[in-house]
Amino acid sequence: MRFARFLYGLKTQSTGNYDVIVPLGYGLDVENNLPVAEQQVLTMAVSMAKSNQALLVWASSSYFFRGSEKHEDQLKEKFVRDQKFAGEVVVSSGISNSVTEAREIKEALQRKGVKSGRFAVVLDWPHARSARKIWRKTFPGFSIDFVSIQGVWNRSNRAYLQQSEFRWLAACILRHVALIVLGLDRVAKIQHPIEK
């Protein structure tokens, strides 16, 4: 996977002075807890939000079961409280994929009155290229950095494509190609397959 990361991964960096920190979501595991990758992303995002005194904003998956986004939001809120984050959190409406995630977060920020600023999007490395394409199209004119971590992908993830690192990398590459060929609007209609 190191070679794959070398070929497909983005050189990401955190330059600081952020107004908004966005930890991308990875849904729930098979026991309806936050998957390890989500905990890793949230840990990095909370640390960055604290050091930048930035707004923390996220979206949660609504397609696992009725009310899954509310359940995921509660788990994230507890996780963030346990990290001793006292800053402001904005939670968007439920989402079904990375495109709807960016769009819902944009709407939530607009309702909050955030119309510009410096963003850091925290995510796993296979996700970075397609996420960059999505976020730059959704937030034109915003300054956005992408900060990647090494996620953990295994059978405990409820989303089928996140059950192995190879499968997740292949899905991220396919999403990137689909974004180029089909565009954001068509990709926004695709939902991740899940294990029941």
C-alpha atoms as a PDB file:
ATOM      1  CA  MET A   1       0.000   0.000   0.000  1.00  0.00           C
ATOM      2  CA  ARG A   2       2.953   2.365   0.411  1.00  0.00           C
ATOM      3  CA  PHE A   3       3.466   2.345  -3.329  1.00  0.00           C
ATOM      4  CA  ALA A   4      -0.258   3.037  -3.870  1.00  0.00           C
ATOM      5  CA  ARG A   5      -0.071   5.924  -1.408  1.00  0.00           C
ATOM      6  CA  PHE A   6       2.988   7.260  -3.247  1.00  0.00           C
ATOM      7  CA  LEU A   7       1.118   7.090  -6.599  1.00  0.00           C
ATOM      8  CA  TYR A   8      -2.394   8.152  -5.567  1.00  0.00           C
ATOM      9  CA  GLY A   9      -2.050   9.958  -2.253  1.00  0.00           C
ATOM     10  CA  LEU A  10      -1.923  13.738  -2.028  1.00  0.00           C
ATOM     11  CA  LYS A  11       0.881  15.525  -0.330  1.00  0.00           C
ATOM     12  CA  THR A  12      -1.246  17.113   2.351  1.00  0.00           C
ATOM     13  CA  GLN A  13      -0.217  19.638   4.914  1.00  0.00           C
ATOM     14  CA  SER A  14      -1.612  21.767   7.645  1.00  0.00           C
ATOM     15  CA  THR A  15      -0.626  25.397   7.301  1.00  0.00           C
ATOM     16  CA  GLY A  16      -2.685  26.629  10.254  1.00  0.00           C
ATOM     17  CA  ASN A  17      -4.779  29.739  10.807  1.00  0.00           C
ATOM     18  CA  TYR A  18      -8.001  27.877  10.037  1.00  0.00           C
ATOM     19  CA  ASP A  19     -11.505  29.186  10.632  1.00  0.00           C
ATOM     20  CA  VAL A  20     -13.249  25.854  10.028  1.00  0.00           C
ATOM     21  CA  ILE A  21     -12.117  22.263  10.600  1.00  0.00           C
ATOM     22  CA  VAL A  22     -14.085  19.481   8.898  1.00  0.00           C
ATOM     23  CA  PRO A  23     -13.550  15.852   9.912  1.00  0.00           C
ATOM     24  CA  LEU A  24     -14.961  13.738   7.081  1.00  0.00           C
ATOM     25  CA  GLY A  25     -17.306  10.997   8.225  1.00  0.00           C
ATOM     26  CA  TYR A  26     -16.962   7.242   7.864  1.00  0.00           C
ATOM     27  CA  GLY A  27     -20.307   6.110   9.230  1.00  0.00           C
ATOM     28  CA  LEU A  28     -20.747   3.416  11.839  1.00  0.00           C
ATOM     29  CA  ASP A  29     -19.182   0.048  12.508  1.00  0.00           C
ATOM     30  CA  VAL A  30     -21.152  -3.210  12.705  1.00  0.00           C
ATOM     31  CA  GLU A  31     -21.806  -2.587  16.423  1.00  0.00           C
ATOM     32  CA  ASN A  32     -23.113   0.943  15.656  1.00  0.00           C
ATOM     33  CA  ASN A  33     -20.074   2.654  17.152  1.00  0.00           C
ATOM     34  CA  LEU A  34     -17.691   5.065  15.459  1.00  0.00           C
ATOM     35  CA  PRO A  35     -15.207   3.141  13.297  1.00  0.00           C
ATOM     36  CA  VAL A  36     -11.524   3.480  14.147  1.00  0.00           C
ATOM     37  CA  ALA A  37     -10.905   5.629  11.037  1.00  0.00           C
ATOM     38  CA  GLU A  38     -13.585   8.071  12.186  1.00  0.00           C
ATOM     39  CA  GLN A  39     -12.056   8.268  15.652  1.00  0.00           C
ATOM     40  CA  GLN A  40      -8.643   8.957  14.118  1.00  0.00           C
ATOM     41  CA  VAL A  41     -10.029  11.743  11.912  1.00  0.00           C
ATOM     42  CA  LEU A  42     -11.991  13.268  14.804  1.00  0.00           C
ATOM     43  CA  THR A  43      -8.936  13.197  17.078  1.00  0.00           C
ATOM     44  CA  MET A  44      -6.860  15.093  14.515  1.00  0.00           C
ATOM     45  CA  ALA A  45      -9.717  17.522  13.759  1.00  0.00           C
ATOM     46  CA  VAL A  46     -10.343  18.310  17.442  1.00  0.00           C
ATOM     47  CA  SER A  47      -6.635  18.936  18.014  1.00  0.00           C
ATOM     48  CA  MET A  48      -6.556  21.298  15.033  1.00  0.00           C
ATOM     49  CA  ALA A  49      -9.781  23.059  16.073  1.00  0.00           C
ATOM     50  CA  LYS A  50      -8.378  23.633  19.562  1.00  0.00           C
ATOM     51  CA  SER A  51      -5.059  25.039  18.336  1.00  0.00           C
ATOM     52  CA  ASN A  52      -6.753  27.275  15.748  1.00  0.00           C
ATOM     53  CA  GLN A  53      -9.776  28.192  17.898  1.00  0.00           C
ATOM     54  CA  ALA A  54     -11.768  27.105  14.860  1.00  0.00           C
ATOM     55  CA  LEU A  55     -15.321  26.018  14.258  1.00  0.00           C
ATOM     56  CA  LEU A  56     -15.699  22.225  14.046  1.00  0.00           C
ATOM     57  CA  VAL A  57     -18.298  21.071  11.526  1.00  0.00           C
ATOM     58  CA  TRP A  58     -19.376  17.598  10.430  1.00  0.00           C
ATOM     59  CA  ALA A  59     -22.050  15.541   8.720  1.00  0.00           C
ATOM     60  CA  SER A  60     -23.201  12.019   9.556  1.00  0.00           C
ATOM     61  CA  SER A  61     -24.466   9.141   7.419  1.00  0.00           C
ATOM     62  CA  SER A  62     -28.227   8.783   7.148  1.00  0.00           C
ATOM     63  CA  TYR A  63     -28.386   5.547   5.131  1.00  0.00           C
ATOM     64  CA  PHE A  64     -27.440   2.847   7.642  1.00  0.00           C
ATOM     65  CA  PHE A  65     -30.809   2.732   9.393  1.00  0.00           C
ATOM     66  CA  ARG A  66     -33.595   5.140  10.311  1.00  0.00           C
ATOM     67  CA  GLY A  67     -32.059   7.727  12.611  1.00  0.00           C
ATOM     68  CA  SER A  68     -28.462   6.596  12.008  1.00  0.00           C
ATOM     69  CA  GLU A  69     -27.255  10.165  11.463  1.00  0.00           C
ATOM     70  CA  LYS A  70     -28.629  11.226  14.857  1.00  0.00           C
ATOM     71  CA  HIS A  71     -26.991   8.230  16.508  1.00  0.00           C
ATOM     72  CA  GLU A  72     -23.665   8.993  14.789  1.00  0.00           C
ATOM     73  CA  ASP A  73     -23.939  12.683  15.758  1.00  0.00           C
ATOM     74  CA  GLN A  74     -24.428  11.713  19.414  1.00  0.00           C
ATOM     75  CA  LEU A  75     -21.379   9.439  19.295  1.00  0.00           C
ATOM     76  CA  LYS A  76     -19.298  12.218  17.716  1.00  0.00           C
ATOM     77  CA  GLU A  77     -20.516  14.783  20.257  1.00  0.00           C
ATOM     78  CA  LYS A  78     -19.516  12.475  23.125  1.00  0.00           C
ATOM     79  CA  PHE A  79     -16.156  11.738  21.497  1.00  0.00           C
ATOM     80  CA  VAL A  80     -15.464  15.467  21.072  1.00  0.00           C
ATOM     81  CA  ARG A  81     -16.512  16.211  24.681  1.00  0.00           C
ATOM     82  CA  ASP A  82     -14.193  13.442  25.878  1.00  0.00           C
ATOM     83  CA  GLN A  83     -11.382  15.198  23.961  1.00  0.00           C
ATOM     84  CA  LYS A  84     -12.116  18.302  26.099  1.00  0.00           C
ATOM     85  CA  PHE A  85     -13.167  20.421  23.108  1.00  0.00           C
ATOM     86  CA  ALA A  86     -14.985  23.502  24.371  1.00  0.00           C
ATOM     87  CA  GLY A  87     -15.289  25.268  21.003  1.00  0.00           C
ATOM     88  CA  GLU A  88     -18.290  25.578  18.748  1.00  0.00           C
ATOM     89  CA  VAL A  89     -19.613  22.615  16.761  1.00  0.00           C
ATOM     90  CA  VAL A  90     -21.930  22.820  13.742  1.00  0.00           C
ATOM     91  CA  VAL A  91     -23.731  19.657  12.660  1.00  0.00           C
ATOM     92  CA  SER A  92     -25.229  19.396   9.172  1.00  0.00           C
ATOM     93  CA  SER A  93     -28.141  17.312   7.927  1.00  0.00           C
ATOM     94  CA  GLY A  94     -27.689  13.612   7.154  1.00  0.00           C
ATOM     95  CA  ILE A  95     -25.669  12.545   4.119  1.00  0.00           C
ATOM     96  CA  SER A  96     -25.357   9.565   1.769  1.00  0.00           C
ATOM     97  CA  ASN A  97     -21.889  10.066   0.213  1.00  0.00           C
ATOM     98  CA  SER A  98     -18.935  12.450  -0.035  1.00  0.00           C
ATOM     99  CA  VAL A  99     -20.692  14.842  -2.434  1.00  0.00           C
ATOM    100  CA  THR A 100     -23.776  15.210  -0.250  1.00  0.00           C
ATOM    101  CA  GLU A 101     -21.454  15.589   2.746  1.00  0.00           C
ATOM    102  CA  ALA A 102     -19.769  18.669   1.250  1.00  0.00           C
ATOM    103  CA  ARG A 103     -23.089  20.115   0.095  1.00  0.00           C
ATOM    104  CA  GLU A 104     -24.830  19.634   3.451  1.00  0.00           C
ATOM    105  CA  ILE A 105     -21.876  21.112   5.301  1.00  0.00           C
ATOM    106  CA  LYS A 106     -21.979  24.110   2.958  1.00  0.00           C
ATOM    107  CA  GLU A 107     -25.676  24.639   3.741  1.00  0.00           C
ATOM    108  CA  ALA A 108     -25.040  24.330   7.484  1.00  0.00           C
ATOM    109  CA  LEU A 109     -22.219  26.877   7.288  1.00  0.00           C
ATOM    110  CA  GLN A 110     -24.370  29.266   5.248  1.00  0.00           C
ATOM    111  CA  ARG A 111     -27.119  29.021   7.904  1.00  0.00           C
ATOM    112  CA  LYS A 112     -24.411  29.843  10.469  1.00  0.00           C
ATOM    113  CA  GLY A 113     -23.360  32.871   8.381  1.00  0.00           C
ATOM    114  CA  VAL A 114     -19.961  31.503   7.292  1.00  0.00           C
ATOM    115  CA  LYS A 115     -19.430  32.745   3.752  1.00  0.00           C
ATOM    116  CA  SER A 116     -15.621  32.631   3.516  1.00  0.00           C
ATOM    117  CA  GLY A 117     -12.572  31.530   5.418  1.00  0.00           C
ATOM    118  CA  ARG A 118      -9.768  29.006   5.629  1.00  0.00           C
ATOM    119  CA  PHE A 119     -10.782  25.366   5.915  1.00  0.00           C
ATOM    120  CA  ALA A 120      -8.951  22.204   6.840  1.00  0.00           C
ATOM    121  CA  VAL A 121     -10.645  18.980   5.760  1.00  0.00           C
ATOM    122  CA  VAL A 122      -9.324  16.016   7.755  1.00  0.00           C
ATOM    123  CA  LEU A 123      -9.662  12.650   6.029  1.00  0.00           C
ATOM    124  CA  ASP A 124      -7.945   9.357   5.217  1.00  0.00           C
ATOM    125  CA  TRP A 125      -5.353   9.369   2.437  1.00  0.00           C
ATOM    126  CA  PRO A 126      -7.250   7.340  -0.250  1.00  0.00           C
ATOM    127  CA  HIS A 127     -10.139   9.806   0.049  1.00  0.00           C
ATOM    128  CA  ALA A 128      -8.007  12.919  -0.481  1.00  0.00           C
ATOM    129  CA  ARG A 129      -7.964  13.286  -4.290  1.00  0.00           C
ATOM    130  CA  SER A 130     -11.688  12.817  -4.845  1.00  0.00           C
ATOM    131  CA  ALA A 131     -12.514  14.913  -1.775  1.00  0.00           C
ATOM    132  CA  ARG A 132     -10.328  17.730  -3.076  1.00  0.00           C
ATOM    133  CA  LYS A 133     -12.269  17.705  -6.352  1.00  0.00           C
ATOM    134  CA  ILE A 134     -15.618  17.706  -4.503  1.00  0.00           C
ATOM    135  CA  TRP A 135     -14.732  20.413  -1.985  1.00  0.00           C
ATOM    136  CA  ARG A 136     -13.135  22.769  -4.489  1.00  0.00           C
ATOM    137  CA  LYS A 137     -16.224  22.599  -6.699  1.00  0.00           C
ATOM    138  CA  THR A 138     -18.611  22.945  -3.751  1.00  0.00           C
ATOM    139  CA  PHE A 139     -16.679  25.769  -2.076  1.00  0.00           C
ATOM    140  CA  PRO A 140     -15.219  27.866  -4.931  1.00  0.00           C
ATOM    141  CA  GLY A 141     -13.122  30.759  -3.693  1.00  0.00           C
ATOM    142  CA  PHE A 142     -12.494  29.217  -0.265  1.00  0.00           C
ATOM    143  CA  SER A 143      -8.987  28.366   0.871  1.00  0.00           C
ATOM    144  CA  ILE A 144      -9.052  24.629   1.695  1.00  0.00           C
ATOM    145  CA  ASP A 145      -6.222  22.410   2.922  1.00  0.00           C
ATOM    146  CA  PHE A 146      -6.561  18.629   3.070  1.00  0.00           C
ATOM    147  CA  VAL A 147      -4.937  16.858   5.996  1.00  0.00           C
ATOM    148  CA  SER A 148      -4.795  13.092   5.647  1.00  0.00           C
ATOM    149  CA  ILE A 149      -4.320  10.298   8.146  1.00  0.00           C
ATOM    150  CA  GLN A 150      -3.820   6.552   7.735  1.00  0.00           C
ATOM    151  CA  GLY A 151      -7.279   5.052   8.273  1.00  0.00           C
ATOM    152  CA  VAL A 152      -8.075   1.570   9.543  1.00  0.00           C
ATOM    153  CA  TRP A 153     -10.237  -0.486   7.191  1.00  0.00           C
ATOM    154  CA  ASN A 154     -11.498  -3.902   8.247  1.00  0.00           C
ATOM    155  CA  ARG A 155     -14.589  -6.096   8.586  1.00  0.00           C
ATOM    156  CA  SER A 156     -15.819  -4.063  11.554  1.00  0.00           C
ATOM    157  CA  ASN A 157     -16.829  -1.228   9.189  1.00  0.00           C
ATOM    158  CA  ARG A 158     -20.495  -1.330   8.261  1.00  0.00           C
ATOM    159  CA  ALA A 159     -19.899   0.217   4.829  1.00  0.00           C
ATOM    160  CA  TYR A 160     -18.870  -2.660   2.550  1.00  0.00           C
ATOM    161  CA  LEU A 161     -16.294  -0.627   0.627  1.00  0.00           C
ATOM    162  CA  GLN A 162     -14.530   0.321   3.869  1.00  0.00           C
ATOM    163  CA  GLN A 163     -13.934  -3.279   4.939  1.00  0.00           C
ATOM    164  CA  SER A 164     -10.447  -3.464   3.424  1.00  0.00           C
ATOM    165  CA  GLU A 165      -7.869  -0.833   2.569  1.00  0.00           C
ATOM    166  CA  PHE A 166      -7.528  -2.155  -0.981  1.00  0.00           C
ATOM    167  CA  ARG A 167     -11.311  -2.071  -1.542  1.00  0.00           C
ATOM    168  CA  TRP A 168     -11.526   1.444  -0.099  1.00  0.00           C
ATOM    169  CA  LEU A 169      -8.647   2.675  -2.271  1.00  0.00           C
ATOM    170  CA  ALA A 170     -10.291   1.149  -5.387  1.00  0.00           C
ATOM    171  CA  ALA A 171     -13.615   2.806  -4.478  1.00  0.00           C
ATOM    172  CA  CYS A 172     -11.926   6.180  -3.977  1.00  0.00           C
ATOM    173  CA  ILE A 173     -10.161   5.928  -7.345  1.00  0.00           C
ATOM    174  CA  LEU A 174     -13.446   4.963  -9.040  1.00  0.00           C
ATOM    175  CA  ARG A 175     -15.212   7.887  -7.353  1.00  0.00           C
ATOM    176  CA  HIS A 176     -12.482  10.221  -8.615  1.00  0.00           C
ATOM    177  CA  VAL A 177     -12.939   8.922 -12.179  1.00  0.00           C
ATOM    178  CA  ALA A 178     -16.739   9.165 -11.835  1.00  0.00           C
ATOM    179  CA  LEU A 179     -16.437  12.780 -10.704  1.00  0.00           C
ATOM    180  CA  ILE A 180     -14.419  13.586 -13.823  1.00  0.00           C
ATOM    181  CA  VAL A 181     -16.672  11.648 -16.215  1.00  0.00           C
ATOM    182  CA  LEU A 182     -20.129  12.088 -14.656  1.00  0.00           C
ATOM    183  CA  GLY A 183     -19.794  15.250 -12.576  1.00  0.00           C
ATOM    184  CA  LEU A 184     -20.867  16.068  -9.037  1.00  0.00           C
ATOM    185  CA  ASP A 185     -24.634  15.996  -9.569  1.00  0.00           C
ATOM    186  CA  ARG A 186     -24.687  12.420 -10.872  1.00  0.00           C
ATOM    187  CA  VAL A 187     -22.198  11.128  -8.323  1.00  0.00           C
ATOM    188  CA  ALA A 188     -24.279  12.742  -5.558  1.00  0.00           C
ATOM    189  CA  LYS A 189     -27.028  10.183  -6.309  1.00  0.00           C
ATOM    190  CA  ILE A 190     -24.788   7.184  -5.534  1.00  0.00           C
ATOM    191  CA  GLN A 191     -24.959   5.652  -2.068  1.00  0.00           C
ATOM    192  CA  HIS A 192     -22.279   3.475  -0.445  1.00  0.00           C
ATOM    193  CA  PRO A 193     -23.296  -0.207  -0.216  1.00  0.00           C
ATOM    194  CA  ILE A 194     -23.593  -1.437   3.371  1.00  0.00           C
ATOM    195  CA  GLU A 195     -23.647  -4.700   5.274  1.00  0.00           C
ATOM    196  CA  LYS A 196     -27.019  -5.342   6.921  1.00  0.00           C
END
